[in-house]
Amino acid sequence: MNGLIMENHCARIGETLFKRCLYIQKPMHICNLLILELLKRWLSVSHSFRLMQHSIPLTTGDTCLGLGLGVGGVEAQFDTNVCGLVGSVMIEMMKCMIESNVDDVENFCHLYILVCFVVLYIPSNSKTVCNILCSFLYNLYSLSKYNWAKVVHSYLVNNLSLGLFVLDRDILFSRILSWSNV
């Protein structure tokens, strides 16, 4: 996506909290074994990782530092029941905007940041995304007033807890199946 962006788009996105997305030049590779190990060490109750006899919390500040998002600000409330289709359609819309003679920098930046949310900050295997994000992106100048690190941190903590639940459930089922085969 970043290979498509024109200079005036980069300049406008560079004025937002999401300017670090512009530095991503190639797809990120995730180490599945590392994610599995993190899940095994996740303590849902304390939102921390178990490391030997220590509990190391995952804080909003960690998310802020890792992603370059602001840690302060107003809490962004999302209504997760309002969803619509996403995916390669957004990238195609961005391509069309670039290829058209009309240079709509603001709308391009709205779409770019929405794609960053869907792909990087709060990704999902689903083909839907919460449309409420659009109401936050409507005014690019007001983006900095929200605590985006907290949004991403909450998403990450919830998904780590869900992942641990699924992992524990699968381990339990495999043990039950092995007992029934005896």
N, C-alpha and C. Protein backbone atom coordinates (compact mmCIF):
# COMPACT_ATOMS: atom_id res chain seq x y z
N MET A 1 0.83 -1.19 0.00
CA MET A 1 0.00 0.00 0.00
C MET A 1 0.87 1.25 0.00
N ASN A 2 1.96 1.23 0.78
CA ASN A 2 2.81 2.42 0.86
C ASN A 2 3.50 2.74 -0.46
N GLY A 3 3.65 1.75 -1.32
CA GLY A 3 4.26 1.99 -2.62
C GLY A 3 3.36 2.80 -3.55
N LEU A 4 2.08 2.90 -3.23
CA LEU A 4 1.12 3.61 -4.08
C LEU A 4 1.00 5.09 -3.74
N ILE A 5 1.42 5.45 -2.56
CA ILE A 5 1.11 6.77 -2.01
C ILE A 5 1.93 7.88 -2.67
N MET A 6 1.24 8.97 -2.97
CA MET A 6 1.90 10.13 -3.54
C MET A 6 2.47 11.00 -2.42
N GLU A 7 3.35 11.90 -2.78
CA GLU A 7 4.05 12.72 -1.79
C GLU A 7 3.10 13.59 -0.96
N ASN A 8 2.08 14.16 -1.58
CA ASN A 8 1.16 15.00 -0.81
C ASN A 8 0.34 14.17 0.17
N HIS A 9 0.08 12.88 -0.16
CA HIS A 9 -0.60 11.99 0.78
C HIS A 9 0.31 11.70 1.97
N CYS A 10 1.57 11.41 1.67
CA CYS A 10 2.54 11.14 2.75
C CYS A 10 2.66 12.34 3.68
N ALA A 11 2.69 13.51 3.12
CA ALA A 11 2.82 14.72 3.94
C ALA A 11 1.62 14.86 4.87
N ARG A 12 0.44 14.61 4.36
CA ARG A 12 -0.77 14.74 5.19
C ARG A 12 -0.85 13.67 6.26
N ILE A 13 -0.55 12.42 5.89
CA ILE A 13 -0.55 11.32 6.87
C ILE A 13 0.54 11.56 7.90
N GLY A 14 1.66 12.14 7.47
CA GLY A 14 2.76 12.45 8.38
C GLY A 14 2.40 13.44 9.47
N GLU A 15 1.32 14.16 9.30
CA GLU A 15 0.85 15.12 10.31
C GLU A 15 -0.02 14.44 11.38
N THR A 16 -0.31 13.16 11.22
CA THR A 16 -1.18 12.45 12.16
C THR A 16 -0.35 11.54 13.07
N LEU A 17 -1.03 10.97 14.07
CA LEU A 17 -0.38 10.01 14.98
C LEU A 17 0.02 8.72 14.27
N PHE A 18 -0.50 8.50 13.09
CA PHE A 18 -0.30 7.24 12.39
C PHE A 18 0.81 7.30 11.34
N LYS A 19 1.70 8.29 11.50
CA LYS A 19 2.77 8.49 10.52
C LYS A 19 3.75 7.32 10.48
N ARG A 20 3.86 6.56 11.56
CA ARG A 20 4.78 5.42 11.56
C ARG A 20 4.39 4.36 10.54
N CYS A 21 3.12 4.30 10.18
CA CYS A 21 2.68 3.34 9.17
C CYS A 21 3.37 3.58 7.83
N LEU A 22 3.75 4.82 7.58
CA LEU A 22 4.42 5.16 6.32
C LEU A 22 5.80 4.52 6.21
N TYR A 23 6.39 4.13 7.33
CA TYR A 23 7.73 3.55 7.32
C TYR A 23 7.73 2.05 7.06
N ILE A 24 6.57 1.43 7.02
CA ILE A 24 6.48 0.00 6.75
C ILE A 24 6.67 -0.20 5.25
N GLN A 25 7.75 -0.84 4.88
CA GLN A 25 8.07 -1.00 3.46
C GLN A 25 7.77 -2.38 2.90
N LYS A 26 7.72 -3.40 3.77
CA LYS A 26 7.43 -4.75 3.30
C LYS A 26 6.56 -5.45 4.33
N PRO A 27 5.87 -6.50 3.92
CA PRO A 27 4.99 -7.20 4.86
C PRO A 27 5.76 -7.70 6.09
N MET A 28 5.11 -7.60 7.24
CA MET A 28 5.73 -8.08 8.47
C MET A 28 5.48 -9.57 8.60
N HIS A 29 6.50 -10.28 9.03
CA HIS A 29 6.37 -11.71 9.24
C HIS A 29 6.24 -11.96 10.74
N ILE A 30 5.24 -12.72 11.10
CA ILE A 30 4.96 -13.02 12.49
C ILE A 30 5.47 -14.42 12.79
N CYS A 31 6.19 -14.56 13.87
CA CYS A 31 6.71 -15.86 14.29
C CYS A 31 5.62 -16.58 15.09
N ASN A 32 5.01 -17.58 14.47
CA ASN A 32 3.92 -18.31 15.11
C ASN A 32 4.37 -19.01 16.39
N LEU A 33 5.60 -19.52 16.41
CA LEU A 33 6.10 -20.18 17.62
C LEU A 33 6.23 -19.19 18.78
N LEU A 34 6.63 -17.97 18.47
CA LEU A 34 6.73 -16.93 19.51
C LEU A 34 5.34 -16.57 20.03
N ILE A 35 4.38 -16.42 19.14
CA ILE A 35 3.01 -16.11 19.55
C ILE A 35 2.46 -17.24 20.43
N LEU A 36 2.71 -18.49 20.05
CA LEU A 36 2.25 -19.63 20.84
C LEU A 36 2.89 -19.62 22.23
N GLU A 37 4.16 -19.33 22.30
CA GLU A 37 4.85 -19.26 23.59
C GLU A 37 4.30 -18.12 24.45
N LEU A 38 4.04 -16.99 23.83
CA LEU A 38 3.44 -15.87 24.56
C LEU A 38 2.06 -16.24 25.10
N LEU A 39 1.27 -16.94 24.28
CA LEU A 39 -0.05 -17.37 24.72
C LEU A 39 0.04 -18.31 25.92
N LYS A 40 0.99 -19.22 25.87
CA LYS A 40 1.16 -20.18 26.97
C LYS A 40 1.53 -19.46 28.27
N ARG A 41 2.18 -18.32 28.15
CA ARG A 41 2.64 -17.58 29.34
C ARG A 41 1.68 -16.44 29.74
N TRP A 42 0.60 -16.26 29.01
CA TRP A 42 -0.34 -15.16 29.26
C TRP A 42 -1.17 -15.43 30.51
N LEU A 43 -1.26 -14.42 31.38
CA LEU A 43 -2.09 -14.48 32.58
C LEU A 43 -3.24 -13.49 32.39
N SER A 44 -4.40 -14.00 32.03
CA SER A 44 -5.54 -13.15 31.67
C SER A 44 -5.97 -12.21 32.79
N VAL A 45 -5.97 -12.71 34.01
CA VAL A 45 -6.47 -11.93 35.14
C VAL A 45 -5.65 -10.67 35.37
N SER A 46 -4.33 -10.81 35.28
CA SER A 46 -3.45 -9.67 35.56
C SER A 46 -2.94 -8.97 34.31
N HIS A 47 -3.38 -9.42 33.13
CA HIS A 47 -2.92 -8.85 31.85
C HIS A 47 -1.40 -8.80 31.81
N SER A 48 -0.79 -9.94 32.09
CA SER A 48 0.67 -10.00 32.14
C SER A 48 1.15 -11.35 31.61
N PHE A 49 2.46 -11.40 31.41
CA PHE A 49 3.11 -12.64 30.98
C PHE A 49 3.88 -13.23 32.15
N ARG A 50 3.81 -14.55 32.29
CA ARG A 50 4.56 -15.26 33.33
C ARG A 50 5.96 -15.55 32.78
N LEU A 51 6.98 -15.12 33.49
CA LEU A 51 8.36 -15.38 33.11
C LEU A 51 9.08 -15.85 34.36
N MET A 52 9.32 -17.13 34.43
CA MET A 52 9.85 -17.80 35.62
C MET A 52 8.90 -17.51 36.78
N GLN A 53 9.37 -16.92 37.86
CA GLN A 53 8.49 -16.63 38.99
C GLN A 53 7.95 -15.19 38.95
N HIS A 54 8.13 -14.52 37.85
CA HIS A 54 7.72 -13.13 37.75
C HIS A 54 6.52 -12.97 36.82
N SER A 55 5.78 -11.93 37.07
CA SER A 55 4.66 -11.55 36.23
C SER A 55 5.00 -10.21 35.60
N ILE A 56 5.06 -10.17 34.27
CA ILE A 56 5.44 -8.94 33.57
C ILE A 56 4.20 -8.39 32.87
N PRO A 57 3.68 -7.25 33.36
CA PRO A 57 2.43 -6.72 32.79
C PRO A 57 2.62 -6.15 31.39
N LEU A 58 1.57 -6.28 30.60
CA LEU A 58 1.50 -5.62 29.29
C LEU A 58 0.63 -4.39 29.48
N THR A 59 1.23 -3.23 29.41
CA THR A 59 0.51 -2.00 29.72
C THR A 59 0.17 -1.20 28.46
N THR A 60 -0.68 -0.24 28.64
CA THR A 60 -1.00 0.68 27.54
C THR A 60 0.26 1.43 27.12
N GLY A 61 1.12 1.74 28.08
CA GLY A 61 2.39 2.41 27.76
C GLY A 61 3.27 1.56 26.86
N ASP A 62 3.27 0.25 27.06
CA ASP A 62 4.04 -0.64 26.18
C ASP A 62 3.50 -0.57 24.76
N THR A 63 2.19 -0.55 24.65
CA THR A 63 1.56 -0.44 23.34
C THR A 63 1.91 0.89 22.69
N CYS A 64 1.89 1.94 23.48
CA CYS A 64 2.24 3.28 23.00
C CYS A 64 3.65 3.29 22.45
N LEU A 65 4.60 2.76 23.22
CA LEU A 65 6.00 2.75 22.79
C LEU A 65 6.20 1.87 21.57
N GLY A 66 5.56 0.71 21.56
CA GLY A 66 5.74 -0.22 20.45
C GLY A 66 5.18 0.27 19.13
N LEU A 67 4.09 1.00 19.18
CA LEU A 67 3.43 1.43 17.95
C LEU A 67 3.54 2.93 17.67
N GLY A 68 4.07 3.66 18.63
CA GLY A 68 4.21 5.10 18.44
C GLY A 68 2.91 5.86 18.54
N LEU A 69 1.94 5.30 19.25
CA LEU A 69 0.65 5.95 19.42
C LEU A 69 0.64 6.74 20.71
N GLY A 70 -0.16 7.78 20.77
CA GLY A 70 -0.28 8.57 21.98
C GLY A 70 -0.94 7.78 23.09
N VAL A 71 -0.46 7.96 24.32
CA VAL A 71 -1.01 7.21 25.45
C VAL A 71 -2.08 8.01 26.19
N GLY A 72 -2.10 9.30 26.03
CA GLY A 72 -3.09 10.13 26.72
C GLY A 72 -4.25 10.44 25.81
N GLY A 73 -5.28 11.00 26.41
CA GLY A 73 -6.39 11.47 25.60
C GLY A 73 -7.71 10.84 25.98
N VAL A 74 -8.72 11.21 25.23
CA VAL A 74 -10.08 10.76 25.45
C VAL A 74 -10.19 9.30 25.03
N GLU A 75 -10.95 8.52 25.79
CA GLU A 75 -11.16 7.12 25.42
C GLU A 75 -12.09 7.04 24.22
N ALA A 76 -11.68 6.29 23.22
CA ALA A 76 -12.49 6.10 22.02
C ALA A 76 -13.45 4.94 22.27
N GLN A 77 -14.74 5.20 22.21
CA GLN A 77 -15.75 4.18 22.43
C GLN A 77 -16.20 3.61 21.08
N PHE A 78 -16.18 2.29 20.98
CA PHE A 78 -16.57 1.64 19.74
C PHE A 78 -17.84 0.84 19.92
N ASP A 79 -18.72 0.92 18.93
CA ASP A 79 -19.91 0.09 18.88
C ASP A 79 -19.60 -1.04 17.92
N THR A 80 -19.29 -2.23 18.46
CA THR A 80 -18.83 -3.34 17.63
C THR A 80 -19.95 -4.00 16.85
N ASN A 81 -21.19 -3.56 17.01
CA ASN A 81 -22.30 -4.17 16.29
C ASN A 81 -22.49 -3.57 14.91
N VAL A 82 -21.82 -2.47 14.60
CA VAL A 82 -21.98 -1.81 13.31
C VAL A 82 -20.81 -2.21 12.42
N CYS A 83 -21.06 -3.07 11.45
CA CYS A 83 -19.96 -3.60 10.64
C CYS A 83 -20.29 -3.55 9.16
N GLY A 84 -19.26 -3.62 8.35
CA GLY A 84 -19.41 -3.64 6.90
C GLY A 84 -18.24 -4.36 6.26
N LEU A 85 -18.33 -4.63 4.96
CA LEU A 85 -17.28 -5.37 4.27
C LEU A 85 -16.00 -4.56 4.11
N VAL A 86 -14.86 -5.24 4.23
CA VAL A 86 -13.57 -4.63 4.01
C VAL A 86 -12.67 -5.61 3.27
N GLY A 87 -11.43 -5.24 3.11
CA GLY A 87 -10.47 -6.14 2.49
C GLY A 87 -9.78 -5.44 1.35
N SER A 88 -9.56 -6.20 0.29
CA SER A 88 -8.85 -5.66 -0.87
C SER A 88 -9.64 -4.53 -1.52
N VAL A 89 -10.92 -4.42 -1.20
CA VAL A 89 -11.75 -3.34 -1.76
C VAL A 89 -11.17 -1.98 -1.37
N MET A 90 -10.69 -1.85 -0.14
CA MET A 90 -10.12 -0.57 0.31
C MET A 90 -8.87 -0.22 -0.48
N ILE A 91 -8.02 -1.21 -0.69
CA ILE A 91 -6.80 -0.97 -1.46
C ILE A 91 -7.16 -0.55 -2.89
N GLU A 92 -8.16 -1.22 -3.47
CA GLU A 92 -8.60 -0.86 -4.82
C GLU A 92 -9.15 0.57 -4.85
N MET A 93 -9.87 0.96 -3.80
CA MET A 93 -10.38 2.33 -3.74
C MET A 93 -9.22 3.33 -3.69
N MET A 94 -8.18 2.98 -2.94
CA MET A 94 -7.01 3.86 -2.86
C MET A 94 -6.34 3.98 -4.22
N LYS A 95 -6.22 2.86 -4.93
CA LYS A 95 -5.62 2.89 -6.27
C LYS A 95 -6.43 3.79 -7.20
N CYS A 96 -7.75 3.65 -7.14
CA CYS A 96 -8.63 4.48 -7.99
C CYS A 96 -8.47 5.96 -7.66
N MET A 97 -8.35 6.27 -6.38
CA MET A 97 -8.18 7.67 -5.99
C MET A 97 -6.87 8.23 -6.52
N ILE A 98 -5.82 7.42 -6.48
CA ILE A 98 -4.51 7.87 -6.97
C ILE A 98 -4.54 8.06 -8.48
N GLU A 99 -5.19 7.11 -9.19
CA GLU A 99 -5.21 7.15 -10.65
C GLU A 99 -6.15 8.22 -11.21
N SER A 100 -7.09 8.68 -10.40
CA SER A 100 -8.03 9.70 -10.89
C SER A 100 -7.34 11.06 -10.97
N ASN A 101 -7.91 11.94 -11.72
CA ASN A 101 -7.36 13.28 -11.86
C ASN A 101 -7.65 14.16 -10.64
N VAL A 102 -8.64 13.75 -9.86
CA VAL A 102 -9.01 14.52 -8.67
C VAL A 102 -8.11 14.07 -7.52
N ASP A 103 -7.38 15.00 -6.95
CA ASP A 103 -6.47 14.68 -5.86
C ASP A 103 -7.14 15.03 -4.53
N ASP A 104 -7.84 14.06 -3.99
CA ASP A 104 -8.58 14.25 -2.75
C ASP A 104 -7.74 13.72 -1.58
N VAL A 105 -6.82 14.53 -1.12
CA VAL A 105 -5.85 14.12 -0.10
C VAL A 105 -6.54 13.72 1.20
N GLU A 106 -7.51 14.49 1.64
CA GLU A 106 -8.18 14.20 2.92
C GLU A 106 -8.87 12.84 2.90
N ASN A 107 -9.65 12.57 1.85
CA ASN A 107 -10.33 11.28 1.78
C ASN A 107 -9.35 10.13 1.63
N PHE A 108 -8.28 10.34 0.89
CA PHE A 108 -7.25 9.31 0.76
C PHE A 108 -6.65 9.01 2.13
N CYS A 109 -6.36 10.04 2.90
CA CYS A 109 -5.78 9.85 4.23
C CYS A 109 -6.75 9.14 5.17
N HIS A 110 -8.03 9.46 5.08
CA HIS A 110 -9.04 8.76 5.88
C HIS A 110 -8.99 7.27 5.58
N LEU A 111 -8.97 6.94 4.30
CA LEU A 111 -8.97 5.55 3.88
C LEU A 111 -7.67 4.86 4.28
N TYR A 112 -6.55 5.54 4.14
CA TYR A 112 -5.25 4.98 4.51
C TYR A 112 -5.21 4.62 5.99
N ILE A 113 -5.65 5.52 6.84
CA ILE A 113 -5.62 5.27 8.28
C ILE A 113 -6.62 4.16 8.65
N LEU A 114 -7.76 4.10 7.97
CA LEU A 114 -8.72 3.03 8.20
C LEU A 114 -8.09 1.68 7.85
N VAL A 115 -7.38 1.61 6.73
CA VAL A 115 -6.69 0.37 6.35
C VAL A 115 -5.63 0.02 7.39
N CYS A 116 -4.90 1.01 7.90
CA CYS A 116 -3.90 0.74 8.93
C CYS A 116 -4.55 0.13 10.17
N PHE A 117 -5.70 0.63 10.55
CA PHE A 117 -6.41 0.06 11.70
C PHE A 117 -6.80 -1.38 11.43
N VAL A 118 -7.38 -1.62 10.27
CA VAL A 118 -7.91 -2.95 9.94
C VAL A 118 -6.79 -3.97 9.77
N VAL A 119 -5.65 -3.55 9.26
CA VAL A 119 -4.57 -4.49 8.97
C VAL A 119 -3.55 -4.57 10.10
N LEU A 120 -3.26 -3.46 10.75
CA LEU A 120 -2.15 -3.42 11.71
C LEU A 120 -2.60 -3.30 13.17
N TYR A 121 -3.40 -2.32 13.48
CA TYR A 121 -3.71 -2.03 14.88
C TYR A 121 -4.76 -2.94 15.49
N ILE A 122 -5.85 -3.19 14.79
CA ILE A 122 -6.89 -4.08 15.30
C ILE A 122 -7.30 -5.07 14.19
N PRO A 123 -6.35 -5.92 13.79
CA PRO A 123 -6.61 -6.83 12.68
C PRO A 123 -7.60 -7.93 13.06
N SER A 124 -8.18 -8.53 12.04
CA SER A 124 -9.14 -9.59 12.24
C SER A 124 -9.13 -10.49 11.01
N ASN A 125 -9.47 -11.75 11.22
CA ASN A 125 -9.62 -12.66 10.08
C ASN A 125 -10.97 -12.46 9.40
N SER A 126 -11.82 -11.70 10.04
CA SER A 126 -13.15 -11.43 9.52
C SER A 126 -13.07 -10.51 8.31
N LYS A 127 -14.08 -10.53 7.50
CA LYS A 127 -14.16 -9.61 6.36
C LYS A 127 -15.01 -8.41 6.70
N THR A 128 -15.15 -8.13 7.99
CA THR A 128 -15.92 -6.98 8.42
C THR A 128 -15.06 -6.10 9.31
N VAL A 129 -15.39 -4.85 9.37
CA VAL A 129 -14.72 -3.90 10.25
C VAL A 129 -15.78 -2.98 10.85
N CYS A 130 -15.49 -2.54 12.04
CA CYS A 130 -16.43 -1.66 12.73
C CYS A 130 -16.48 -0.31 12.00
N ASN A 131 -17.65 0.06 11.49
CA ASN A 131 -17.81 1.32 10.77
C ASN A 131 -17.64 2.54 11.67
N ILE A 132 -17.74 2.34 12.96
CA ILE A 132 -17.64 3.46 13.89
C ILE A 132 -16.26 4.13 13.77
N LEU A 133 -15.27 3.39 13.29
CA LEU A 133 -13.95 3.99 13.06
C LEU A 133 -14.05 5.20 12.14
N CYS A 134 -14.94 5.12 11.19
CA CYS A 134 -15.09 6.21 10.22
C CYS A 134 -15.46 7.53 10.91
N SER A 135 -16.26 7.44 11.96
CA SER A 135 -16.65 8.68 12.65
C SER A 135 -15.45 9.32 13.34
N PHE A 136 -14.49 8.51 13.79
CA PHE A 136 -13.27 9.06 14.39
C PHE A 136 -12.35 9.64 13.33
N LEU A 137 -12.35 9.03 12.16
CA LEU A 137 -11.44 9.45 11.09
C LEU A 137 -11.96 10.64 10.29
N TYR A 138 -13.20 11.01 10.53
CA TYR A 138 -13.81 12.10 9.77
C TYR A 138 -12.99 13.38 9.85
N ASN A 139 -12.47 13.69 11.03
CA ASN A 139 -11.65 14.88 11.21
C ASN A 139 -10.23 14.45 11.57
N LEU A 140 -9.33 14.49 10.60
CA LEU A 140 -7.96 14.04 10.83
C LEU A 140 -7.25 14.86 11.92
N TYR A 141 -7.65 16.11 12.07
CA TYR A 141 -7.00 16.96 13.08
C TYR A 141 -7.38 16.55 14.50
N SER A 142 -8.52 15.89 14.68
CA SER A 142 -8.95 15.50 16.02
C SER A 142 -8.45 14.12 16.44
N LEU A 143 -7.77 13.41 15.54
CA LEU A 143 -7.28 12.07 15.87
C LEU A 143 -6.37 12.05 17.09
N SER A 144 -5.60 13.09 17.27
CA SER A 144 -4.62 13.11 18.36
C SER A 144 -5.28 13.26 19.73
N LYS A 145 -6.55 13.58 19.79
CA LYS A 145 -7.19 13.75 21.09
C LYS A 145 -7.62 12.42 21.70
N TYR A 146 -7.55 11.33 20.93
CA TYR A 146 -7.98 10.02 21.41
C TYR A 146 -6.79 9.18 21.87
N ASN A 147 -7.07 8.30 22.80
CA ASN A 147 -6.06 7.41 23.35
C ASN A 147 -6.04 6.12 22.53
N TRP A 148 -5.37 6.15 21.39
CA TRP A 148 -5.34 5.01 20.47
C TRP A 148 -4.53 3.85 21.05
N ALA A 149 -3.53 4.14 21.85
CA ALA A 149 -2.75 3.07 22.47
C ALA A 149 -3.65 2.22 23.36
N LYS A 150 -4.59 2.85 24.05
CA LYS A 150 -5.51 2.10 24.91
C LYS A 150 -6.45 1.23 24.08
N VAL A 151 -6.89 1.73 22.95
CA VAL A 151 -7.76 0.95 22.06
C VAL A 151 -7.03 -0.31 21.60
N VAL A 152 -5.79 -0.14 21.12
CA VAL A 152 -5.01 -1.27 20.62
C VAL A 152 -4.66 -2.21 21.77
N HIS A 153 -4.30 -1.64 22.93
CA HIS A 153 -3.96 -2.45 24.10
C HIS A 153 -5.15 -3.31 24.52
N SER A 154 -6.34 -2.73 24.59
CA SER A 154 -7.54 -3.48 24.96
C SER A 154 -7.81 -4.61 23.97
N TYR A 155 -7.65 -4.30 22.69
CA TYR A 155 -7.84 -5.31 21.64
C TYR A 155 -6.84 -6.45 21.81
N LEU A 156 -5.59 -6.10 22.06
CA LEU A 156 -4.53 -7.09 22.21
C LEU A 156 -4.77 -7.97 23.44
N VAL A 157 -5.09 -7.35 24.58
CA VAL A 157 -5.34 -8.09 25.82
C VAL A 157 -6.54 -9.04 25.65
N ASN A 158 -7.61 -8.55 25.05
CA ASN A 158 -8.80 -9.39 24.84
C ASN A 158 -8.49 -10.58 23.93
N ASN A 159 -7.70 -10.35 22.90
CA ASN A 159 -7.39 -11.43 21.98
C ASN A 159 -6.37 -12.41 22.55
N LEU A 160 -5.45 -11.93 23.38
CA LEU A 160 -4.54 -12.86 24.07
C LEU A 160 -5.33 -13.75 25.02
N SER A 161 -6.27 -13.18 25.73
CA SER A 161 -7.10 -13.96 26.66
C SER A 161 -7.95 -14.97 25.91
N LEU A 162 -8.53 -14.56 24.80
CA LEU A 162 -9.32 -15.46 23.97
C LEU A 162 -8.43 -16.57 23.40
N GLY A 163 -7.25 -16.20 22.93
CA GLY A 163 -6.31 -17.19 22.39
C GLY A 163 -5.90 -18.22 23.44
N LEU A 164 -5.66 -17.76 24.66
CA LEU A 164 -5.30 -18.67 25.75
C LEU A 164 -6.46 -19.61 26.05
N PHE A 165 -7.67 -19.08 26.06
CA PHE A 165 -8.86 -19.91 26.30
C PHE A 165 -8.96 -21.01 25.23
N VAL A 166 -8.80 -20.63 23.96
CA VAL A 166 -8.88 -21.60 22.87
C VAL A 166 -7.76 -22.62 22.98
N LEU A 167 -6.55 -22.17 23.30
CA LEU A 167 -5.40 -23.06 23.45
C LEU A 167 -5.65 -24.05 24.58
N ASP A 168 -6.10 -23.57 25.73
CA ASP A 168 -6.41 -24.44 26.87
C ASP A 168 -7.52 -25.43 26.53
N ARG A 169 -8.54 -24.96 25.81
CA ARG A 169 -9.65 -25.83 25.42
C ARG A 169 -9.16 -26.93 24.49
N ASP A 170 -8.32 -26.58 23.52
CA ASP A 170 -7.80 -27.57 22.57
C ASP A 170 -6.92 -28.59 23.28
N ILE A 171 -6.11 -28.14 24.23
CA ILE A 171 -5.26 -29.06 25.00
C ILE A 171 -6.14 -30.01 25.81
N LEU A 172 -7.18 -29.49 26.44
CA LEU A 172 -8.09 -30.32 27.22
C LEU A 172 -8.77 -31.35 26.33
N PHE A 173 -9.27 -30.94 25.17
CA PHE A 173 -9.93 -31.87 24.26
C PHE A 173 -8.97 -32.96 23.78
N SER A 174 -7.73 -32.57 23.48
CA SER A 174 -6.76 -33.58 23.01
C SER A 174 -6.45 -34.58 24.12
N ARG A 175 -6.42 -34.13 25.37
CA ARG A 175 -6.20 -35.05 26.50
C ARG A 175 -7.39 -35.99 26.66
N ILE A 176 -8.58 -35.46 26.55
CA ILE A 176 -9.79 -36.29 26.67
C ILE A 176 -9.81 -37.33 25.57
N LEU A 177 -9.46 -36.92 24.34
CA LEU A 177 -9.44 -37.88 23.22
C LEU A 177 -8.39 -38.96 23.44
N SER A 178 -7.23 -38.57 23.96
CA SER A 178 -6.18 -39.57 24.21
C SER A 178 -6.60 -40.54 25.30
N TRP A 179 -7.36 -40.08 26.31
CA TRP A 179 -7.84 -40.96 27.37
C TRP A 179 -8.88 -41.94 26.84
N SER A 180 -9.72 -41.46 25.91
CA SER A 180 -10.77 -42.32 25.37
C SER A 180 -10.20 -43.40 24.44
N ASN A 181 -9.00 -43.18 23.90
CA ASN A 181 -8.36 -44.15 23.03
C ASN A 181 -7.61 -45.22 23.81
N VAL A 182 -7.49 -45.03 25.11
CA VAL A 182 -6.74 -45.99 25.93
C VAL A 182 -7.57 -47.21 26.21
